[in-house]
N, C-alpha and C. Protein backbone atom coordinates (compact mmCIF):
# COMPACT_ATOMS: atom_id res chain seq x y z
N MET A 1 22.12 -6.70 -6.79
CA MET A 1 21.29 -7.69 -7.60
C MET A 1 19.85 -7.04 -7.59
N ASN A 2 19.35 -7.22 -8.72
CA ASN A 2 17.82 -6.81 -9.00
C ASN A 2 16.95 -7.73 -8.65
N VAL A 3 15.66 -7.61 -8.06
CA VAL A 3 14.81 -8.51 -8.25
C VAL A 3 13.17 -8.42 -8.87
N VAL A 4 12.95 -9.12 -10.13
CA VAL A 4 11.91 -8.58 -10.62
C VAL A 4 10.77 -9.73 -10.37
N LEU A 5 9.54 -8.91 -10.04
CA LEU A 5 8.61 -9.74 -9.69
C LEU A 5 7.35 -9.50 -10.94
N GLY A 6 6.39 -10.30 -11.50
CA GLY A 6 5.28 -10.22 -12.05
C GLY A 6 5.92 -10.21 -13.52
N GLY A 7 4.95 -9.18 -14.70
CA GLY A 7 5.05 -9.49 -15.74
C GLY A 7 4.86 -8.17 -16.16
N ARG A 8 5.71 -7.69 -16.56
CA ARG A 8 5.27 -6.04 -17.50
C ARG A 8 3.82 -5.94 -18.49
N SER A 9 3.60 -7.20 -19.00
CA SER A 9 2.43 -6.50 -19.67
C SER A 9 1.06 -6.44 -19.00
N ARG A 10 1.27 -6.94 -17.34
CA ARG A 10 0.21 -6.76 -16.47
C ARG A 10 0.51 -5.82 -15.41
N PHE A 11 1.31 -6.29 -14.65
CA PHE A 11 1.89 -5.59 -13.21
C PHE A 11 3.19 -6.39 -12.90
N ALA A 12 4.19 -5.37 -12.69
CA ALA A 12 5.59 -6.00 -12.33
C ALA A 12 6.36 -4.93 -11.90
N VAL A 13 7.26 -5.26 -10.83
CA VAL A 13 8.27 -4.08 -10.14
C VAL A 13 9.47 -5.14 -10.40
N GLU A 14 10.53 -4.29 -10.54
CA GLU A 14 12.21 -4.24 -10.19
C GLU A 14 12.39 -3.70 -9.36
N ILE A 15 13.04 -4.24 -8.70
CA ILE A 15 13.61 -3.34 -7.10
C ILE A 15 15.58 -3.35 -7.35
N GLY A 16 15.90 -2.57 -7.12
CA GLY A 16 17.38 -2.51 -7.00
C GLY A 16 18.20 -2.45 -5.78
N GLY A 17 19.18 -2.80 -5.40
CA GLY A 17 20.13 -2.25 -4.62
C GLY A 17 19.47 -2.35 -3.13
N PRO A 18 20.31 -2.83 -1.85
CA PRO A 18 19.68 -2.56 -0.79
C PRO A 18 20.01 -1.03 -0.41
N GLY A 19 19.30 -0.89 0.94
CA GLY A 19 19.22 0.68 1.55
C GLY A 19 18.07 1.14 1.89
N THR A 20 18.19 2.19 2.78
CA THR A 20 16.99 2.94 3.00
C THR A 20 16.17 3.69 1.56
N LEU A 21 16.95 3.89 0.92
CA LEU A 21 16.36 4.43 -0.40
C LEU A 21 16.68 3.57 -1.39
N ARG A 22 15.62 2.90 -2.01
CA ARG A 22 16.00 1.81 -3.24
C ARG A 22 15.27 2.38 -4.84
N ARG A 23 15.84 1.53 -5.84
CA ARG A 23 15.37 2.01 -7.09
C ARG A 23 14.19 1.05 -7.19
N VAL A 24 13.02 1.77 -7.48
CA VAL A 24 11.49 0.59 -7.25
C VAL A 24 11.09 0.96 -8.68
N ASP A 25 11.21 0.10 -9.75
CA ASP A 25 10.60 0.37 -10.99
C ASP A 25 9.14 -0.41 -11.35
N LEU A 26 8.16 0.03 -11.59
CA LEU A 26 6.77 -0.38 -11.61
C LEU A 26 6.16 -0.48 -13.07
N TRP A 27 5.74 -1.59 -13.49
CA TRP A 27 4.97 -1.26 -14.74
C TRP A 27 3.78 -1.84 -14.66
N ALA A 28 2.70 -1.44 -15.31
CA ALA A 28 1.32 -2.22 -15.37
C ALA A 28 1.05 -1.70 -17.03
N ALA A 29 0.32 -2.95 -17.60
CA ALA A 29 -0.21 -2.49 -18.74
C ALA A 29 0.99 -2.06 -19.84
N GLY A 30 2.12 -2.44 -19.41
CA GLY A 30 3.33 -2.57 -20.55
C GLY A 30 4.21 -1.16 -20.36
N LYS A 31 3.40 -0.31 -19.28
CA LYS A 31 4.09 1.06 -19.00
C LYS A 31 4.95 1.31 -18.35
N TRP A 32 5.75 1.94 -18.30
CA TRP A 32 6.76 2.17 -17.09
C TRP A 32 6.32 3.38 -16.15
N LEU A 33 5.91 2.94 -15.00
CA LEU A 33 4.84 3.91 -14.33
C LEU A 33 6.10 4.90 -13.28
N THR A 34 7.04 4.20 -13.25
CA THR A 34 8.02 5.22 -12.07
C THR A 34 8.93 5.83 -13.17
N CYS A 35 8.40 6.74 -14.32
CA CYS A 35 9.48 6.82 -14.99
C CYS A 35 10.08 8.41 -14.39
N ASP A 36 9.26 9.23 -13.80
CA ASP A 36 9.36 10.50 -13.02
C ASP A 36 10.18 10.00 -11.70
N ASP A 37 10.29 9.19 -10.82
CA ASP A 37 10.49 9.06 -9.81
C ASP A 37 10.66 7.62 -9.23
N ASN A 38 11.74 7.18 -9.50
CA ASN A 38 11.80 5.84 -9.31
C ASN A 38 12.66 5.43 -7.92
N MET A 39 12.93 6.52 -7.11
CA MET A 39 13.84 5.99 -5.80
C MET A 39 12.63 6.11 -4.57
N ALA A 40 12.46 5.22 -4.09
CA ALA A 40 11.65 4.84 -2.98
C ALA A 40 12.02 5.07 -1.98
N TYR A 41 11.44 5.77 -0.65
CA TYR A 41 12.30 5.75 0.73
C TYR A 41 11.25 4.67 1.62
N VAL A 42 11.99 3.56 1.63
CA VAL A 42 11.53 1.99 1.94
C VAL A 42 10.79 2.04 2.83
N PRO A 43 11.03 2.71 3.85
CA PRO A 43 10.31 2.17 5.30
C PRO A 43 8.64 2.99 4.56
N SER A 44 8.57 4.04 4.08
CA SER A 44 7.11 4.52 3.92
C SER A 44 6.73 3.95 2.68
N PHE A 45 7.21 3.50 1.38
CA PHE A 45 6.72 2.54 0.64
C PHE A 45 6.36 1.36 0.92
N ARG A 46 7.27 0.49 1.59
CA ARG A 46 6.73 -0.39 2.05
C ARG A 46 5.45 -0.87 2.72
N HIS A 47 5.33 -0.05 3.73
CA HIS A 47 4.15 0.27 4.59
C HIS A 47 2.84 0.61 3.64
N ALA A 48 3.00 1.34 2.77
CA ALA A 48 1.88 1.44 1.87
C ALA A 48 1.55 0.29 1.07
N VAL A 49 2.53 -0.54 0.56
CA VAL A 49 2.20 -2.20 -0.39
C VAL A 49 2.00 -2.63 0.70
N VAL A 50 2.52 -2.86 1.84
CA VAL A 50 1.75 -4.07 2.63
C VAL A 50 0.29 -3.53 3.14
N ASP A 51 0.21 -2.23 3.15
CA ASP A 51 -1.24 -1.70 3.41
C ASP A 51 -2.37 -2.04 2.60
N ALA A 52 -1.67 -2.23 1.41
CA ALA A 52 -2.55 -2.34 -0.03
C ALA A 52 -2.90 -3.81 0.29
N ALA A 53 -1.65 -4.80 -0.02
CA ALA A 53 -1.91 -5.92 0.48
C ALA A 53 -2.86 -6.23 1.27
N ALA A 54 -2.77 -6.01 2.28
CA ALA A 54 -3.85 -6.37 3.72
C ALA A 54 -5.51 -6.00 3.03
N ARG A 55 -5.46 -5.00 2.69
CA ARG A 55 -6.51 -4.73 2.15
C ARG A 55 -7.41 -5.50 1.39
N LEU A 56 -6.55 -5.70 0.27
CA LEU A 56 -7.30 -6.62 -1.01
C LEU A 56 -7.21 -7.92 -0.59
N ARG A 57 -6.39 -8.33 0.56
CA ARG A 57 -6.57 -9.66 1.01
C ARG A 57 -7.95 -9.84 1.96
N SER A 58 -8.60 -8.91 2.41
CA SER A 58 -9.74 -8.87 3.21
C SER A 58 -10.80 -8.90 2.45
N GLY A 59 -10.45 -8.61 1.21
CA GLY A 59 -11.84 -8.61 0.23
C GLY A 59 -12.05 -7.00 -0.16
N GLU A 60 -11.49 -5.98 0.55
CA GLU A 60 -11.76 -4.94 0.60
C GLU A 60 -11.40 -4.86 -1.43
N GLY A 61 -12.50 -3.70 -1.90
CA GLY A 61 -12.35 -3.27 -3.35
C GLY A 61 -13.66 -3.20 -3.96
N LEU A 62 -14.07 -2.04 -4.68
CA LEU A 62 -15.45 -1.76 -5.05
C LEU A 62 -15.56 -2.33 -6.39
N SER A 63 -16.88 -3.10 -6.81
CA SER A 63 -16.94 -3.26 -8.26
C SER A 63 -17.31 -1.51 -8.93
N LEU A 64 -16.69 -1.98 -10.32
CA LEU A 64 -17.54 -0.57 -11.52
C LEU A 64 -18.51 -0.15 -10.60
N PRO A 65 -18.47 1.35 -10.80
CA PRO A 65 -19.55 2.12 -9.76
C PRO A 65 -20.41 2.40 -10.88
N PHE A 66 -20.19 2.32 -12.31
CA PHE A 66 -21.24 2.97 -13.49
C PHE A 66 -21.83 1.75 -13.64
N VAL A 67 -22.89 1.61 -14.23
CA VAL A 67 -23.62 0.43 -14.90
C VAL A 67 -23.62 0.68 -16.11
N GLY A 68 -22.93 -0.12 -16.99
CA GLY A 68 -22.94 -0.48 -18.56
C GLY A 68 -21.80 0.53 -19.25
N LEU A 69 -20.90 1.19 -18.13
CA LEU A 69 -19.37 1.78 -18.49
C LEU A 69 -18.32 0.68 -18.52
N SER A 70 -17.48 0.88 -19.16
CA SER A 70 -16.22 0.10 -19.36
C SER A 70 -15.33 0.76 -18.38
N ALA A 71 -14.26 -0.15 -17.55
CA ALA A 71 -13.41 0.35 -16.80
C ALA A 71 -12.68 1.72 -17.43
N GLU A 72 -12.31 1.80 -18.15
CA GLU A 72 -11.83 2.83 -18.97
C GLU A 72 -12.51 4.23 -18.54
N ALA A 73 -13.76 4.02 -19.02
CA ALA A 73 -14.84 5.27 -18.99
C ALA A 73 -15.24 5.30 -17.43
N ALA A 74 -15.28 4.63 -16.62
CA ALA A 74 -15.55 4.66 -15.23
C ALA A 74 -14.12 5.44 -14.74
N HIS A 75 -12.86 4.98 -15.24
CA HIS A 75 -11.68 5.81 -14.56
C HIS A 75 -11.85 7.55 -14.95
N ARG A 76 -12.22 7.63 -15.92
CA ARG A 76 -12.41 9.17 -17.04
C ARG A 76 -13.56 9.60 -15.73
N ARG A 77 -14.53 8.87 -15.68
CA ARG A 77 -15.52 9.43 -14.92
C ARG A 77 -15.29 9.95 -13.52
N LEU A 78 -14.74 8.91 -12.70
CA LEU A 78 -14.20 9.09 -11.30
C LEU A 78 -13.14 10.54 -11.58
N ARG A 79 -12.37 10.45 -12.23
CA ARG A 79 -10.96 11.17 -12.32
C ARG A 79 -11.68 12.60 -12.29
N ASP A 80 -12.75 12.63 -12.97
CA ASP A 80 -13.36 14.21 -13.63
C ASP A 80 -14.25 14.49 -12.93
N GLY A 81 -14.78 13.50 -11.99
CA GLY A 81 -15.86 14.08 -11.25
C GLY A 81 -15.86 14.05 -9.39
N ASP A 82 -17.17 13.37 -8.88
CA ASP A 82 -17.33 13.60 -7.65
C ASP A 82 -16.18 12.98 -6.64
N ASP A 83 -15.48 14.04 -5.97
CA ASP A 83 -14.46 13.59 -4.89
C ASP A 83 -14.56 12.49 -4.17
N GLN A 84 -15.97 12.45 -3.61
CA GLN A 84 -16.05 11.35 -2.51
C GLN A 84 -15.82 9.87 -2.99
N LEU A 85 -16.80 10.04 -4.14
CA LEU A 85 -16.69 8.83 -5.08
C LEU A 85 -15.36 8.06 -5.48
N TYR A 86 -14.62 9.36 -6.01
CA TYR A 86 -13.16 9.34 -6.44
C TYR A 86 -12.63 8.43 -5.57
N ASP A 87 -12.31 9.31 -4.42
CA ASP A 87 -11.78 8.78 -3.50
C ASP A 87 -11.65 7.29 -2.62
N GLY A 88 -12.79 6.38 -2.80
CA GLY A 88 -13.03 5.62 -2.65
C GLY A 88 -12.27 4.25 -3.53
N TYR A 89 -12.26 4.72 -4.55
CA TYR A 89 -11.65 4.03 -5.61
C TYR A 89 -10.06 4.18 -6.25
N ARG A 90 -9.84 5.28 -5.44
CA ARG A 90 -8.26 5.44 -5.66
C ARG A 90 -7.18 4.25 -5.16
N PHE A 91 -6.16 4.43 -5.90
CA PHE A 91 -5.22 3.06 -5.90
C PHE A 91 -3.64 3.56 -5.92
N MET A 92 -2.80 2.72 -5.38
CA MET A 92 -1.15 3.26 -5.54
C MET A 92 -0.85 4.65 -5.03
N LEU A 93 -1.38 4.77 -3.79
CA LEU A 93 -1.17 6.11 -3.31
C LEU A 93 0.21 5.68 -2.50
N TRP A 94 1.35 5.42 -2.91
CA TRP A 94 2.63 5.05 -2.67
C TRP A 94 3.76 5.98 -2.52
N GLY A 95 3.29 7.11 -2.40
CA GLY A 95 4.16 8.26 -2.13
C GLY A 95 4.79 8.94 -3.42
N PRO A 96 5.78 9.47 -3.66
CA PRO A 96 6.18 10.17 -4.79
C PRO A 96 6.65 9.50 -6.05
N THR A 97 7.07 8.30 -5.51
CA THR A 97 7.35 7.43 -6.66
C THR A 97 5.88 6.93 -7.55
N THR A 98 5.10 7.27 -7.10
CA THR A 98 3.58 7.12 -7.85
C THR A 98 2.79 7.95 -7.98
N ASP A 99 3.14 9.11 -7.45
CA ASP A 99 2.06 10.13 -7.54
C ASP A 99 2.14 10.87 -8.99
N ASN A 100 2.74 10.53 -10.01
CA ASN A 100 2.65 10.79 -11.45
C ASN A 100 1.65 10.08 -12.41
N VAL A 101 0.71 9.28 -11.39
CA VAL A 101 -0.22 8.77 -12.16
C VAL A 101 -1.60 8.30 -11.28
N VAL A 102 -2.56 8.72 -11.71
CA VAL A 102 -3.90 8.24 -11.34
C VAL A 102 -4.20 7.26 -11.85
N ALA A 103 -4.65 6.37 -10.48
CA ALA A 103 -4.64 4.89 -10.34
C ALA A 103 -6.25 4.57 -9.63
N HIS A 104 -6.99 3.71 -10.32
CA HIS A 104 -8.28 3.24 -9.41
C HIS A 104 -7.83 1.60 -9.60
N LEU A 105 -8.78 1.10 -8.89
CA LEU A 105 -8.76 -0.12 -8.42
C LEU A 105 -10.38 -0.58 -8.55
N PHE A 106 -10.65 -1.67 -9.42
CA PHE A 106 -12.06 -2.21 -9.00
C PHE A 106 -11.98 -3.79 -9.05
N ARG A 107 -12.79 -4.55 -7.95
CA ARG A 107 -12.83 -5.63 -8.06
C ARG A 107 -13.89 -6.29 -8.99
N ALA A 108 -13.51 -7.45 -9.49
CA ALA A 108 -14.45 -7.96 -10.53
C ALA A 108 -14.36 -9.67 -10.06
N GLY A 109 -15.32 -10.39 -8.88
CA GLY A 109 -15.34 -11.40 -8.61
C GLY A 109 -13.65 -11.62 -7.73
N ASP A 110 -13.11 -12.61 -8.44
CA ASP A 110 -11.51 -12.97 -8.29
C ASP A 110 -10.59 -12.38 -8.64
N HIS A 111 -10.88 -11.09 -9.57
CA HIS A 111 -9.96 -10.64 -10.46
C HIS A 111 -9.83 -9.42 -10.12
N LEU A 112 -8.67 -8.30 -10.16
CA LEU A 112 -8.59 -6.70 -9.80
C LEU A 112 -8.59 -6.20 -11.64
N VAL A 113 -9.43 -5.04 -11.51
CA VAL A 113 -8.80 -4.20 -12.82
C VAL A 113 -8.37 -3.06 -12.17
N ILE A 114 -7.19 -3.02 -12.78
CA ILE A 114 -6.54 -1.62 -12.07
C ILE A 114 -6.71 -0.73 -13.61
N THR A 115 -6.88 0.64 -13.66
CA THR A 115 -6.99 1.44 -14.56
C THR A 115 -6.30 2.58 -13.87
N LEU A 116 -5.44 3.19 -15.05
CA LEU A 116 -4.32 4.68 -14.78
C LEU A 116 -4.07 5.34 -15.92
N ASP A 117 -3.78 6.69 -15.57
CA ASP A 117 -3.28 7.46 -16.59
C ASP A 117 -2.40 8.27 -15.82
N PHE A 118 -1.34 8.87 -16.82
CA PHE A 118 -0.07 9.79 -16.57
C PHE A 118 -0.69 11.15 -16.89
N TRP A 119 -0.62 12.04 -15.56
CA TRP A 119 -1.14 13.43 -15.65
C TRP A 119 -0.27 14.53 -15.32
N ARG A 120 1.08 14.29 -15.28
CA ARG A 120 2.18 15.36 -15.51
C ARG A 120 2.19 16.33 -16.69
N GLU A 121 2.18 17.34 -17.09
CA GLU A 121 2.13 17.90 -18.36
C GLU A 121 3.66 17.90 -18.86
N ASP A 122 5.07 17.62 -18.10
CA ASP A 122 5.96 17.15 -18.47
C ASP A 122 6.22 15.94 -19.32
N HIS A 123 5.41 15.04 -18.66
CA HIS A 123 5.32 13.48 -18.97
C HIS A 123 4.80 13.54 -20.52
N LEU A 124 3.41 14.19 -20.70
CA LEU A 124 2.63 14.39 -21.57
C LEU A 124 3.33 14.66 -22.69
N LEU A 125 4.06 15.89 -22.67
CA LEU A 125 5.03 16.33 -23.57
C LEU A 125 6.03 15.70 -24.19
N ASP A 126 6.48 14.88 -23.15
CA ASP A 126 7.67 13.85 -23.43
C ASP A 126 7.15 12.65 -24.03
N HIS A 127 5.89 12.35 -23.86
CA HIS A 127 5.15 10.97 -24.34
C HIS A 127 3.82 11.33 -24.75
N PRO A 128 3.66 12.43 -25.71
CA PRO A 128 2.42 12.33 -26.18
C PRO A 128 1.19 11.07 -26.64
N GLU A 129 1.95 10.06 -26.87
CA GLU A 129 1.06 8.58 -26.71
C GLU A 129 0.24 8.55 -25.59
N ASP A 130 0.72 8.94 -24.69
CA ASP A 130 -0.03 8.42 -23.60
C ASP A 130 -1.08 9.86 -23.08
N ALA A 131 -1.00 10.87 -23.75
CA ALA A 131 -1.77 12.10 -23.45
C ALA A 131 -3.68 11.19 -23.97
N ASP A 132 -4.16 11.40 -22.99
CA ASP A 132 -5.62 11.14 -22.88
C ASP A 132 -5.92 9.57 -22.87
N THR A 133 -4.92 8.75 -22.63
CA THR A 133 -5.01 7.53 -22.85
C THR A 133 -5.11 7.01 -21.09
N VAL A 134 -6.01 5.87 -21.26
CA VAL A 134 -6.15 5.22 -19.94
C VAL A 134 -5.82 3.69 -20.04
N PHE A 135 -4.83 3.21 -19.52
CA PHE A 135 -4.53 1.75 -19.45
C PHE A 135 -5.38 1.09 -18.56
N VAL A 136 -5.43 -0.10 -18.94
CA VAL A 136 -6.40 -1.14 -17.89
C VAL A 136 -5.61 -2.52 -17.99
N VAL A 137 -5.59 -2.96 -16.93
CA VAL A 137 -4.87 -4.29 -16.24
C VAL A 137 -6.03 -5.21 -15.51
N GLU A 138 -5.97 -6.41 -16.28
CA GLU A 138 -6.95 -6.96 -14.98
C GLU A 138 -6.23 -8.04 -14.54
N ILE A 139 -5.82 -8.74 -13.37
CA ILE A 139 -5.12 -9.39 -12.98
C ILE A 139 -5.96 -10.22 -11.87
N PRO A 140 -5.40 -11.41 -11.51
CA PRO A 140 -6.16 -12.33 -10.39
C PRO A 140 -5.85 -11.60 -9.15
N ALA A 141 -6.59 -11.09 -8.41
CA ALA A 141 -6.42 -10.83 -7.23
C ALA A 141 -5.63 -11.61 -6.43
N GLU A 142 -5.07 -12.87 -6.40
CA GLU A 142 -4.20 -13.59 -5.51
C GLU A 142 -3.05 -13.48 -5.98
N GLU A 143 -2.54 -13.21 -7.40
CA GLU A 143 -1.38 -12.88 -8.17
C GLU A 143 -1.06 -11.74 -7.73
N PHE A 144 -2.02 -10.54 -8.03
CA PHE A 144 -1.39 -9.11 -7.75
C PHE A 144 -0.86 -9.09 -6.17
N THR A 145 -1.88 -9.67 -5.07
CA THR A 145 -1.29 -9.62 -3.56
C THR A 145 0.03 -10.60 -3.30
N GLY A 146 0.20 -11.73 -4.36
CA GLY A 146 1.41 -12.05 -4.15
C GLY A 146 2.32 -11.15 -4.78
N ILE A 147 2.49 -10.62 -5.63
CA ILE A 147 3.56 -9.62 -6.20
C ILE A 147 3.74 -8.63 -4.93
N LEU A 148 2.67 -8.17 -4.40
CA LEU A 148 2.81 -6.90 -3.32
C LEU A 148 3.51 -7.56 -2.27
N ASP A 149 3.08 -8.95 -1.55
CA ASP A 149 3.87 -9.54 -0.79
C ASP A 149 5.27 -9.56 -1.08
N GLY A 150 5.63 -10.08 -2.61
CA GLY A 150 6.85 -10.11 -2.63
C GLY A 150 8.02 -8.83 -2.87
N ILE A 151 6.93 -7.78 -2.85
CA ILE A 151 7.62 -6.23 -2.90
C ILE A 151 8.11 -6.16 -1.26
N ALA A 152 6.89 -6.29 -0.57
CA ALA A 152 7.15 -6.02 1.13
C ALA A 152 8.31 -6.96 1.35
N ALA A 153 8.51 -7.98 1.18
CA ALA A 153 9.43 -9.06 1.41
C ALA A 153 10.82 -8.52 1.25
N GLU A 154 11.02 -8.09 -0.31
CA GLU A 154 12.53 -7.91 -0.71
C GLU A 154 12.46 -6.51 0.25
N LEU A 155 11.89 -5.56 0.26
CA LEU A 155 12.09 -4.12 0.80
C LEU A 155 12.59 -4.22 2.13
N HIS A 156 11.97 -5.34 2.81
CA HIS A 156 12.36 -5.33 4.10
C HIS A 156 13.66 -6.56 4.16
N ALA A 157 13.94 -7.42 3.28
CA ALA A 157 15.11 -7.88 3.28
C ALA A 157 16.36 -6.89 3.37
N GLY A 158 16.13 -6.12 2.13
CA GLY A 158 17.16 -5.25 1.92
C GLY A 158 17.15 -4.15 2.50
N ARG A 159 16.73 -3.81 3.48
CA ARG A 159 16.57 -2.41 4.08
C ARG A 159 17.82 -2.21 4.58
N LEU A 160 18.84 -2.91 4.77
CA LEU A 160 19.88 -2.13 5.78
C LEU A 160 20.98 -2.50 4.77
N GLY A 161 21.15 -3.00 3.87
CA GLY A 161 22.33 -3.13 2.66
C GLY A 161 23.19 -3.78 3.41
């Protein structure tokens, strides 16, 4: 049985089957993020998601780093610039399932702004419409942490099959 949380136009997950290795499909801004590898090793993936939710719930998250730049422009500048600054904004470092995208997270009051782009050459050759495109999602922080909590709960409940 599949579990779906969230909405694909902002952020969503679909989780399939029980077991230690589970299908996890993620979407943001209407784009399927886990198109290169959607089989997640549950213990590691769940730990990363739980950690992300806890950090967000604690209020962690930095506002846009460059005055006057859009979230898309800030994403590009971080991605192409200073590694120390870049690392502070990196997001969705959830193992092989999400390593095909570069994602940043910015906090804007009680909302989060998530930016991402695809970087693998094979992906960009197969999906030229994604080349040099930064996708941007704005979502209430509470809604997003609720989705992350739902992911963690489902992965925990279905871990044994």
